[in-house]
Amino acid sequence: MVCESGSVRFDVQVEVRLREGVADPQGQTIERSLPHLGFKGVEGVRVGKSIRFTVEAPDEAAARAEVDDMCARFLTNPVIEDAEVTLR
């Protein structure tokens, strides 16, 4: 969507996941609990978070650069988490 200022509004989704090798106690608890609830054969449960918002930028490259900066500085812990950014 083009804004009055000439910028484009992008819908953003950031999927944050723990890096491989980082312990995931929430995922482990869920995985241990599912069989007790009748859900058999579930393995490898990992818990993450999804962050959704809109951002205005001149173009997609600028929007992606801004969101990548947000991820590095605030939305994720880059030491233990990875982020996958989707713009629409």
C-alpha atoms as a PDB file:
ATOM      1  CA  MET A   1       0.000   0.000   0.000  1.00  0.00           C
ATOM      2  CA  VAL A   2       1.427   3.389  -1.012  1.00  0.00           C
ATOM      3  CA  CYS A   3       1.122   6.093   1.659  1.00  0.00           C
ATOM      4  CA  GLU A   4       0.514   9.815   1.102  1.00  0.00           C
ATOM      5  CA  SER A   5       4.202  10.461   1.746  1.00  0.00           C
ATOM      6  CA  GLY A   6       5.125   8.232  -1.198  1.00  0.00           C
ATOM      7  CA  SER A   7       6.387   5.505   1.110  1.00  0.00           C
ATOM      8  CA  VAL A   8       5.118   1.961   0.871  1.00  0.00           C
ATOM      9  CA  ARG A   9       3.538   0.223   3.858  1.00  0.00           C
ATOM     10  CA  PHE A  10       4.768  -3.348   4.322  1.00  0.00           C
ATOM     11  CA  ASP A  11       3.202  -6.035   6.494  1.00  0.00           C
ATOM     12  CA  VAL A  12       6.050  -7.689   8.378  1.00  0.00           C
ATOM     13  CA  GLN A  13       6.243 -11.061  10.057  1.00  0.00           C
ATOM     14  CA  VAL A  14       9.330 -12.000  12.058  1.00  0.00           C
ATOM     15  CA  GLU A  15       9.624 -15.646  13.105  1.00  0.00           C
ATOM     16  CA  VAL A  16      12.146 -16.008  15.931  1.00  0.00           C
ATOM     17  CA  ARG A  17      13.601 -19.425  16.767  1.00  0.00           C
ATOM     18  CA  LEU A  18      16.318 -20.665  19.080  1.00  0.00           C
ATOM     19  CA  ARG A  19      19.455 -21.695  17.217  1.00  0.00           C
ATOM     20  CA  GLU A  20      20.259 -25.374  16.840  1.00  0.00           C
ATOM     21  CA  GLY A  21      22.098 -26.646  19.884  1.00  0.00           C
ATOM     22  CA  VAL A  22      20.487 -24.127  22.264  1.00  0.00           C
ATOM     23  CA  ALA A  23      18.435 -25.820  24.990  1.00  0.00           C
ATOM     24  CA  ASP A  24      14.668 -25.311  24.655  1.00  0.00           C
ATOM     25  CA  PRO A  25      13.080 -26.175  28.033  1.00  0.00           C
ATOM     26  CA  GLN A  26       9.605 -25.048  26.866  1.00  0.00           C
ATOM     27  CA  GLY A  27       9.798 -27.311  23.838  1.00  0.00           C
ATOM     28  CA  GLN A  28      11.010 -30.215  25.972  1.00  0.00           C
ATOM     29  CA  THR A  29       8.143 -29.745  28.444  1.00  0.00           C
ATOM     30  CA  ILE A  30       5.585 -29.691  25.625  1.00  0.00           C
ATOM     31  CA  GLU A  31       7.141 -32.772  24.012  1.00  0.00           C
ATOM     32  CA  ARG A  32       7.035 -34.709  27.302  1.00  0.00           C
ATOM     33  CA  SER A  33       3.419 -33.659  27.975  1.00  0.00           C
ATOM     34  CA  LEU A  34       1.847 -34.478  24.603  1.00  0.00           C
ATOM     35  CA  PRO A  35       1.854 -38.293  25.012  1.00  0.00           C
ATOM     36  CA  HIS A  36      -0.009 -37.916  28.333  1.00  0.00           C
ATOM     37  CA  LEU A  37      -2.724 -36.082  26.392  1.00  0.00           C
ATOM     38  CA  GLY A  38      -2.975 -38.826  23.784  1.00  0.00           C
ATOM     39  CA  PHE A  39      -0.716 -37.296  21.116  1.00  0.00           C
ATOM     40  CA  LYS A  40       1.825 -39.981  20.199  1.00  0.00           C
ATOM     41  CA  GLY A  41       4.821 -39.781  17.882  1.00  0.00           C
ATOM     42  CA  VAL A  42       5.619 -36.072  18.298  1.00  0.00           C
ATOM     43  CA  GLU A  43       9.344 -35.287  18.322  1.00  0.00           C
ATOM     44  CA  GLY A  44      11.651 -32.308  18.051  1.00  0.00           C
ATOM     45  CA  VAL A  45       9.322 -29.687  19.557  1.00  0.00           C
ATOM     46  CA  ARG A  46      10.880 -26.210  19.515  1.00  0.00           C
ATOM     47  CA  VAL A  47       9.167 -23.062  20.796  1.00  0.00           C
ATOM     48  CA  GLY A  48       9.626 -19.691  19.115  1.00  0.00           C
ATOM     49  CA  LYS A  49       7.767 -16.443  18.725  1.00  0.00           C
ATOM     50  CA  SER A  50       6.062 -14.617  15.889  1.00  0.00           C
ATOM     51  CA  ILE A  51       6.099 -10.825  15.769  1.00  0.00           C
ATOM     52  CA  ARG A  52       3.827  -8.999  13.300  1.00  0.00           C
ATOM     53  CA  PHE A  53       3.680  -5.297  12.493  1.00  0.00           C
ATOM     54  CA  THR A  54       3.636  -2.797   9.624  1.00  0.00           C
ATOM     55  CA  VAL A  55       6.466  -0.522   8.576  1.00  0.00           C
ATOM     56  CA  GLU A  56       6.646   2.354   6.091  1.00  0.00           C
ATOM     57  CA  ALA A  57       9.693   2.595   3.839  1.00  0.00           C
ATOM     58  CA  PRO A  58      10.560   3.912   0.375  1.00  0.00           C
ATOM     59  CA  ASP A  59      10.963   0.372  -1.008  1.00  0.00           C
ATOM     60  CA  GLU A  60      11.278  -3.280  -0.020  1.00  0.00           C
ATOM     61  CA  ALA A  61      15.067  -3.167   0.344  1.00  0.00           C
ATOM     62  CA  ALA A  62      14.832  -0.251   2.787  1.00  0.00           C
ATOM     63  CA  ALA A  63      12.049  -1.968   4.731  1.00  0.00           C
ATOM     64  CA  ARG A  64      14.058  -5.190   4.979  1.00  0.00           C
ATOM     65  CA  ALA A  65      17.169  -3.294   6.132  1.00  0.00           C
ATOM     66  CA  GLU A  66      15.153  -1.531   8.837  1.00  0.00           C
ATOM     67  CA  VAL A  67      13.538  -4.763  10.060  1.00  0.00           C
ATOM     68  CA  ASP A  68      16.909  -6.565  10.038  1.00  0.00           C
ATOM     69  CA  ASP A  69      18.282  -3.752  12.204  1.00  0.00           C
ATOM     70  CA  MET A  70      15.286  -4.083  14.574  1.00  0.00           C
ATOM     71  CA  CYS A  71      15.969  -7.812  14.861  1.00  0.00           C
ATOM     72  CA  ALA A  72      19.646  -7.338  15.605  1.00  0.00           C
ATOM     73  CA  ARG A  73      19.119  -4.537  18.135  1.00  0.00           C
ATOM     74  CA  PHE A  74      15.860  -5.409  19.880  1.00  0.00           C
ATOM     75  CA  LEU A  75      13.566  -8.178  18.603  1.00  0.00           C
ATOM     76  CA  THR A  76      16.002 -11.089  18.982  1.00  0.00           C
ATOM     77  CA  ASN A  77      18.983 -12.160  20.987  1.00  0.00           C
ATOM     78  CA  PRO A  78      21.406 -12.719  18.097  1.00  0.00           C
ATOM     79  CA  VAL A  79      23.645 -14.894  20.283  1.00  0.00           C
ATOM     80  CA  ILE A  80      21.012 -17.649  20.698  1.00  0.00           C
ATOM     81  CA  GLU A  81      18.187 -16.833  18.245  1.00  0.00           C
ATOM     82  CA  ASP A  82      17.696 -16.676  14.480  1.00  0.00           C
ATOM     83  CA  ALA A  83      15.010 -14.623  12.750  1.00  0.00           C
ATOM     84  CA  GLU A  84      13.195 -15.212   9.477  1.00  0.00           C
ATOM     85  CA  VAL A  85      11.669 -12.016   8.058  1.00  0.00           C
ATOM     86  CA  THR A  86       8.736 -12.000   5.622  1.00  0.00           C
ATOM     87  CA  LEU A  87       7.538  -8.773   3.980  1.00  0.00           C
ATOM     88  CA  ARG A  88       4.251  -8.385   2.087  1.00  0.00           C
END
